[in-house]
Amino acid sequence: MRLRELRKAKGISQLKLAVDLNMNQNSISRYENGQREADYKTLIMFADYFNVSIDYLLERTNNPIFLYE
């Protein structure tokens, strides 16, 4: 998942992302390190937060643009 890449590009810490999404910082770390897989609800939160498609988050495409609005 491209979570770390998106977070760093936005210049925010894991803690800031966790607070913004009402999550635990340890969960963010586990998602970024591949120790945990996000469920649908969490994927949608990440996609909405970074304004990218879920396919982009999951590395199914290199196009971050959300196509279905």
PDB file of N, CA and C in Angstrom:
ATOM      1  N   MET A   1       0.842  -1.178   0.000  1.00  0.00           N
ATOM      2  CA  MET A   1       0.000   0.000   0.000  1.00  0.00           C
ATOM      3  C   MET A   1       0.890   1.244   0.000  1.00  0.00           C
ATOM      4  N   ARG A   2       0.425   2.267  -0.652  1.00  0.00           N
ATOM      5  CA  ARG A   2       1.179   3.508  -0.804  1.00  0.00           C
ATOM      6  C   ARG A   2       0.966   4.491   0.346  1.00  0.00           C
ATOM      7  N   LEU A   3       0.505   4.044   1.445  1.00  0.00           N
ATOM      8  CA  LEU A   3       0.150   4.932   2.541  1.00  0.00           C
ATOM      9  C   LEU A   3       1.337   5.780   2.991  1.00  0.00           C
ATOM     10  N   ARG A   4       2.481   5.171   3.217  1.00  0.00           N
ATOM     11  CA  ARG A   4       3.659   5.913   3.683  1.00  0.00           C
ATOM     12  C   ARG A   4       4.052   6.995   2.677  1.00  0.00           C
ATOM     13  N   GLU A   5       4.066   6.626   1.407  1.00  0.00           N
ATOM     14  CA  GLU A   5       4.422   7.567   0.341  1.00  0.00           C
ATOM     15  C   GLU A   5       3.481   8.783   0.341  1.00  0.00           C
ATOM     16  N   LEU A   6       2.195   8.537   0.438  1.00  0.00           N
ATOM     17  CA  LEU A   6       1.220   9.624   0.443  1.00  0.00           C
ATOM     18  C   LEU A   6       1.357  10.491   1.692  1.00  0.00           C
ATOM     19  N   ARG A   7       1.554   9.853   2.815  1.00  0.00           N
ATOM     20  CA  ARG A   7       1.683  10.587   4.079  1.00  0.00           C
ATOM     21  C   ARG A   7       2.913  11.490   4.051  1.00  0.00           C
ATOM     22  N   LYS A   8       4.029  10.956   3.598  1.00  0.00           N
ATOM     23  CA  LYS A   8       5.259  11.752   3.549  1.00  0.00           C
ATOM     24  C   LYS A   8       5.155  12.876   2.529  1.00  0.00           C
ATOM     25  N   ALA A   9       4.497  12.624   1.405  1.00  0.00           N
ATOM     26  CA  ALA A   9       4.322  13.663   0.387  1.00  0.00           C
ATOM     27  C   ALA A   9       3.494  14.822   0.946  1.00  0.00           C
ATOM     28  N   LYS A  10       2.583  14.508   1.853  1.00  0.00           N
ATOM     29  CA  LYS A  10       1.745  15.537   2.472  1.00  0.00           C
ATOM     30  C   LYS A  10       2.468  16.198   3.650  1.00  0.00           C
ATOM     31  N   GLY A  11       3.584  15.611   4.063  1.00  0.00           N
ATOM     32  CA  GLY A  11       4.386  16.181   5.149  1.00  0.00           C
ATOM     33  C   GLY A  11       3.786  16.026   6.524  1.00  0.00           C
ATOM     34  N   ILE A  12       3.108  14.901   6.755  1.00  0.00           N
ATOM     35  CA  ILE A  12       2.500  14.677   8.066  1.00  0.00           C
ATOM     36  C   ILE A  12       3.073  13.418   8.711  1.00  0.00           C
ATOM     37  N   SER A  13       3.012  13.389  10.016  1.00  0.00           N
ATOM     38  CA  SER A  13       3.504  12.240  10.777  1.00  0.00           C
ATOM     39  C   SER A  13       2.432  11.160  10.866  1.00  0.00           C
ATOM     40  N   GLN A  14       2.863   9.990  11.282  1.00  0.00           N
ATOM     41  CA  GLN A  14       1.907   8.907  11.532  1.00  0.00           C
ATOM     42  C   GLN A  14       0.917   9.328  12.609  1.00  0.00           C
ATOM     43  N   LEU A  15       1.415  10.015  13.616  1.00  0.00           N
ATOM     44  CA  LEU A  15       0.545  10.456  14.703  1.00  0.00           C
ATOM     45  C   LEU A  15      -0.507  11.439  14.207  1.00  0.00           C
ATOM     46  N   LYS A  16      -0.120  12.399  13.373  1.00  0.00           N
ATOM     47  CA  LYS A  16      -1.065  13.374  12.825  1.00  0.00           C
ATOM     48  C   LYS A  16      -2.142  12.668  12.008  1.00  0.00           C
ATOM     49  N   LEU A  17      -1.722  11.722  11.153  1.00  0.00           N
ATOM     50  CA  LEU A  17      -2.688  10.968  10.353  1.00  0.00           C
ATOM     51  C   LEU A  17      -3.639  10.190  11.260  1.00  0.00           C
ATOM     52  N   ALA A  18      -3.082   9.548  12.273  1.00  0.00           N
ATOM     53  CA  ALA A  18      -3.897   8.772  13.207  1.00  0.00           C
ATOM     54  C   ALA A  18      -4.920   9.659  13.910  1.00  0.00           C
ATOM     55  N   VAL A  19      -4.497  10.821  14.376  1.00  0.00           N
ATOM     56  CA  VAL A  19      -5.407  11.739  15.064  1.00  0.00           C
ATOM     57  C   VAL A  19      -6.486  12.219  14.103  1.00  0.00           C
ATOM     58  N   ASP A  20      -6.084  12.604  12.890  1.00  0.00           N
ATOM     59  CA  ASP A  20      -7.046  13.100  11.904  1.00  0.00           C
ATOM     60  C   ASP A  20      -8.112  12.065  11.557  1.00  0.00           C
ATOM     61  N   LEU A  21      -7.725  10.795  11.570  1.00  0.00           N
ATOM     62  CA  LEU A  21      -8.652   9.726  11.195  1.00  0.00           C
ATOM     63  C   LEU A  21      -9.219   8.983  12.404  1.00  0.00           C
ATOM     64  N   ASN A  22      -8.926   9.507  13.608  1.00  0.00           N
ATOM     65  CA  ASN A  22      -9.420   8.890  14.844  1.00  0.00           C
ATOM     66  C   ASN A  22      -8.973   7.429  14.942  1.00  0.00           C
ATOM     67  N   MET A  23      -7.684   7.234  14.700  1.00  0.00           N
ATOM     68  CA  MET A  23      -7.096   5.901  14.750  1.00  0.00           C
ATOM     69  C   MET A  23      -5.918   5.909  15.711  1.00  0.00           C
ATOM     70  N   ASN A  24      -5.322   4.759  15.887  1.00  0.00           N
ATOM     71  CA  ASN A  24      -4.141   4.596  16.712  1.00  0.00           C
ATOM     72  C   ASN A  24      -2.890   4.705  15.836  1.00  0.00           C
ATOM     73  N   GLN A  25      -1.855   5.372  16.317  1.00  0.00           N
ATOM     74  CA  GLN A  25      -0.609   5.515  15.553  1.00  0.00           C
ATOM     75  C   GLN A  25       0.011   4.154  15.242  1.00  0.00           C
ATOM     76  N   ASN A  26      -0.115   3.205  16.150  1.00  0.00           N
ATOM     77  CA  ASN A  26       0.424   1.868  15.911  1.00  0.00           C
ATOM     78  C   ASN A  26      -0.256   1.192  14.720  1.00  0.00           C
ATOM     79  N   SER A  27      -1.533   1.445  14.543  1.00  0.00           N
ATOM     80  CA  SER A  27      -2.257   0.885  13.396  1.00  0.00           C
ATOM     81  C   SER A  27      -1.707   1.457  12.094  1.00  0.00           C
ATOM     82  N   ILE A  28      -1.470   2.766  12.074  1.00  0.00           N
ATOM     83  CA  ILE A  28      -0.897   3.396  10.879  1.00  0.00           C
ATOM     84  C   ILE A  28       0.452   2.760  10.561  1.00  0.00           C
ATOM     85  N   SER A  29       1.273   2.583  11.565  1.00  0.00           N
ATOM     86  CA  SER A  29       2.585   1.961  11.375  1.00  0.00           C
ATOM     87  C   SER A  29       2.454   0.552  10.802  1.00  0.00           C
ATOM     88  N   ARG A  30       1.523  -0.217  11.321  1.00  0.00           N
ATOM     89  CA  ARG A  30       1.330  -1.597  10.838  1.00  0.00           C
ATOM     90  C   ARG A  30       0.824  -1.625   9.399  1.00  0.00           C
ATOM     91  N   TYR A  31      -0.060  -0.694   9.039  1.00  0.00           N
ATOM     92  CA  TYR A  31      -0.512  -0.603   7.645  1.00  0.00           C
ATOM     93  C   TYR A  31       0.668  -0.273   6.741  1.00  0.00           C
ATOM     94  N   GLU A  32       1.478   0.682   7.158  1.00  0.00           N
ATOM     95  CA  GLU A  32       2.617   1.097   6.335  1.00  0.00           C
ATOM     96  C   GLU A  32       3.666   0.007   6.185  1.00  0.00           C
ATOM     97  N   ASN A  33       3.840  -0.803   7.208  1.00  0.00           N
ATOM     98  CA  ASN A  33       4.853  -1.862   7.171  1.00  0.00           C
ATOM     99  C   ASN A  33       4.333  -3.188   6.636  1.00  0.00           C
ATOM    100  N   GLY A  34       3.063  -3.228   6.258  1.00  0.00           N
ATOM    101  CA  GLY A  34       2.494  -4.455   5.713  1.00  0.00           C
ATOM    102  C   GLY A  34       2.191  -5.509   6.750  1.00  0.00           C
ATOM    103  N   GLN A  35       2.195  -5.125   8.023  1.00  0.00           N
ATOM    104  CA  GLN A  35       1.897  -6.073   9.092  1.00  0.00           C
ATOM    105  C   GLN A  35       0.395  -6.225   9.310  1.00  0.00           C
ATOM    106  N   ARG A  36      -0.364  -5.318   8.705  1.00  0.00           N
ATOM    107  CA  ARG A  36      -1.807  -5.328   8.856  1.00  0.00           C
ATOM    108  C   ARG A  36      -2.427  -4.869   7.544  1.00  0.00           C
ATOM    109  N   GLU A  37      -3.562  -5.466   7.171  1.00  0.00           N
ATOM    110  CA  GLU A  37      -4.262  -5.068   5.960  1.00  0.00           C
ATOM    111  C   GLU A  37      -5.510  -4.285   6.328  1.00  0.00           C
ATOM    112  N   ALA A  38      -5.734  -3.214   5.598  1.00  0.00           N
ATOM    113  CA  ALA A  38      -6.880  -2.351   5.866  1.00  0.00           C
ATOM    114  C   ALA A  38      -8.165  -2.995   5.347  1.00  0.00           C
ATOM    115  N   ASP A  39      -9.233  -2.843   6.120  1.00  0.00           N
ATOM    116  CA  ASP A  39     -10.547  -3.295   5.661  1.00  0.00           C
ATOM    117  C   ASP A  39     -11.124  -2.228   4.728  1.00  0.00           C
ATOM    118  N   TYR A  40     -12.297  -2.501   4.171  1.00  0.00           N
ATOM    119  CA  TYR A  40     -12.909  -1.576   3.214  1.00  0.00           C
ATOM    120  C   TYR A  40     -13.116  -0.188   3.806  1.00  0.00           C
ATOM    121  N   LYS A  41     -13.640  -0.140   5.005  1.00  0.00           N
ATOM    122  CA  LYS A  41     -13.925   1.137   5.654  1.00  0.00           C
ATOM    123  C   LYS A  41     -12.642   1.961   5.802  1.00  0.00           C
ATOM    124  N   THR A  42     -11.572   1.319   6.206  1.00  0.00           N
ATOM    125  CA  THR A  42     -10.301   2.002   6.399  1.00  0.00           C
ATOM    126  C   THR A  42      -9.711   2.446   5.069  1.00  0.00           C
ATOM    127  N   LEU A  43      -9.806   1.601   4.046  1.00  0.00           N
ATOM    128  CA  LEU A  43      -9.327   1.994   2.718  1.00  0.00           C
ATOM    129  C   LEU A  43     -10.061   3.233   2.212  1.00  0.00           C
ATOM    130  N   ILE A  44     -11.357   3.274   2.436  1.00  0.00           N
ATOM    131  CA  ILE A  44     -12.147   4.432   2.014  1.00  0.00           C
ATOM    132  C   ILE A  44     -11.702   5.680   2.772  1.00  0.00           C
ATOM    133  N   MET A  45     -11.447   5.545   4.068  1.00  0.00           N
ATOM    134  CA  MET A  45     -10.969   6.695   4.855  1.00  0.00           C
ATOM    135  C   MET A  45      -9.646   7.217   4.318  1.00  0.00           C
ATOM    136  N   PHE A  46      -8.714   6.306   4.039  1.00  0.00           N
ATOM    137  CA  PHE A  46      -7.413   6.723   3.506  1.00  0.00           C
ATOM    138  C   PHE A  46      -7.570   7.385   2.139  1.00  0.00           C
ATOM    139  N   ALA A  47      -8.365   6.782   1.282  1.00  0.00           N
ATOM    140  CA  ALA A  47      -8.566   7.331  -0.064  1.00  0.00           C
ATOM    141  C   ALA A  47      -9.197   8.720   0.003  1.00  0.00           C
ATOM    142  N   ASP A  48     -10.184   8.882   0.843  1.00  0.00           N
ATOM    143  CA  ASP A  48     -10.830  10.186   0.998  1.00  0.00           C
ATOM    144  C   ASP A  48      -9.863  11.217   1.579  1.00  0.00           C
ATOM    145  N   TYR A  49      -9.097  10.813   2.557  1.00  0.00           N
ATOM    146  CA  TYR A  49      -8.156  11.725   3.217  1.00  0.00           C
ATOM    147  C   TYR A  49      -7.122  12.267   2.236  1.00  0.00           C
ATOM    148  N   PHE A  50      -6.581  11.368   1.409  1.00  0.00           N
ATOM    149  CA  PHE A  50      -5.527  11.765   0.469  1.00  0.00           C
ATOM    150  C   PHE A  50      -6.071  12.123  -0.914  1.00  0.00           C
ATOM    151  N   ASN A  51      -7.379  12.007  -1.077  1.00  0.00           N
ATOM    152  CA  ASN A  51      -8.031  12.325  -2.347  1.00  0.00           C
ATOM    153  C   ASN A  51      -7.438  11.522  -3.511  1.00  0.00           C
ATOM    154  N   VAL A  52      -7.337  10.217  -3.291  1.00  0.00           N
ATOM    155  CA  VAL A  52      -6.859   9.288  -4.320  1.00  0.00           C
ATOM    156  C   VAL A  52      -7.828   8.118  -4.404  1.00  0.00           C
ATOM    157  N   SER A  53      -7.683   7.332  -5.447  1.00  0.00           N
ATOM    158  CA  SER A  53      -8.532   6.148  -5.578  1.00  0.00           C
ATOM    159  C   SER A  53      -8.003   5.007  -4.707  1.00  0.00           C
ATOM    160  N   ILE A  54      -8.884   4.101  -4.382  1.00  0.00           N
ATOM    161  CA  ILE A  54      -8.466   2.914  -3.634  1.00  0.00           C
ATOM    162  C   ILE A  54      -7.508   2.083  -4.483  1.00  0.00           C
ATOM    163  N   ASP A  55      -7.739   2.032  -5.778  1.00  0.00           N
ATOM    164  CA  ASP A  55      -6.821   1.303  -6.665  1.00  0.00           C
ATOM    165  C   ASP A  55      -5.408   1.879  -6.576  1.00  0.00           C
ATOM    166  N   TYR A  56      -5.298   3.186  -6.461  1.00  0.00           N
ATOM    167  CA  TYR A  56      -3.978   3.804  -6.313  1.00  0.00           C
ATOM    168  C   TYR A  56      -3.360   3.406  -4.971  1.00  0.00           C
ATOM    169  N   LEU A  57      -4.135   3.442  -3.917  1.00  0.00           N
ATOM    170  CA  LEU A  57      -3.639   3.024  -2.598  1.00  0.00           C
ATOM    171  C   LEU A  57      -3.107   1.597  -2.635  1.00  0.00           C
ATOM    172  N   LEU A  58      -3.819   0.729  -3.338  1.00  0.00           N
ATOM    173  CA  LEU A  58      -3.459  -0.689  -3.384  1.00  0.00           C
ATOM    174  C   LEU A  58      -2.451  -1.023  -4.486  1.00  0.00           C
ATOM    175  N   GLU A  59      -1.928   0.019  -5.146  1.00  0.00           N
ATOM    176  CA  GLU A  59      -0.917  -0.126  -6.195  1.00  0.00           C
ATOM    177  C   GLU A  59      -1.416  -0.913  -7.402  1.00  0.00           C
ATOM    178  N   ARG A  60      -2.725  -0.797  -7.674  1.00  0.00           N
ATOM    179  CA  ARG A  60      -3.292  -1.428  -8.858  1.00  0.00           C
ATOM    180  C   ARG A  60      -3.197  -0.511 -10.073  1.00  0.00           C
ATOM    181  N   THR A  61      -2.882   0.768  -9.805  1.00  0.00           N
ATOM    182  CA  THR A  61      -2.691   1.744 -10.867  1.00  0.00           C
ATOM    183  C   THR A  61      -1.683   2.784 -10.389  1.00  0.00           C
ATOM    184  N   ASN A  62      -1.047   3.444 -11.329  1.00  0.00           N
ATOM    185  CA  ASN A  62      -0.129   4.526 -10.984  1.00  0.00           C
ATOM    186  C   ASN A  62      -0.800   5.886 -11.125  1.00  0.00           C
ATOM    187  N   ASN A  63      -2.081   5.872 -11.459  1.00  0.00           N
ATOM    188  CA  ASN A  63      -2.843   7.101 -11.624  1.00  0.00           C
ATOM    189  C   ASN A  63      -3.611   7.374 -10.325  1.00  0.00           C
ATOM    190  N   PRO A  64      -3.217   8.420  -9.589  1.00  0.00           N
ATOM    191  CA  PRO A  64      -3.871   8.669  -8.301  1.00  0.00           C
ATOM    192  C   PRO A  64      -5.245   9.313  -8.417  1.00  0.00           C
ATOM    193  N   ILE A  65      -5.634   9.707  -9.594  1.00  0.00           N
ATOM    194  CA  ILE A  65      -6.880  10.438  -9.765  1.00  0.00           C
ATOM    195  C   ILE A  65      -8.079   9.540  -9.489  1.00  0.00           C
ATOM    196  N   PHE A  66      -8.989  10.073  -8.708  1.00  0.00           N
ATOM    197  CA  PHE A  66     -10.233   9.382  -8.390  1.00  0.00           C
ATOM    198  C   PHE A  66     -11.157   9.541  -9.593  1.00  0.00           C
ATOM    199  N   LEU A  67     -11.516   8.450 -10.254  1.00  0.00           N
ATOM    200  CA  LEU A  67     -12.260   8.515 -11.498  1.00  0.00           C
ATOM    201  C   LEU A  67     -13.762   8.458 -11.338  1.00  0.00           C
ATOM    202  N   TYR A  68     -14.258   7.991 -10.211  1.00  0.00           N
ATOM    203  CA  TYR A  68     -15.692   7.795 -10.048  1.00  0.00           C
ATOM    204  C   TYR A  68     -16.235   8.779  -9.020  1.00  0.00           C
ATOM    205  N   GLU A  69     -16.779   9.857  -9.486  1.00  0.00           N
ATOM    206  CA  GLU A  69     -17.310  10.864  -8.556  1.00  0.00           C
ATOM    207  C   GLU A  69     -18.806  10.945  -8.655  1.00  0.00           C
TER     208      GLU A  69
END
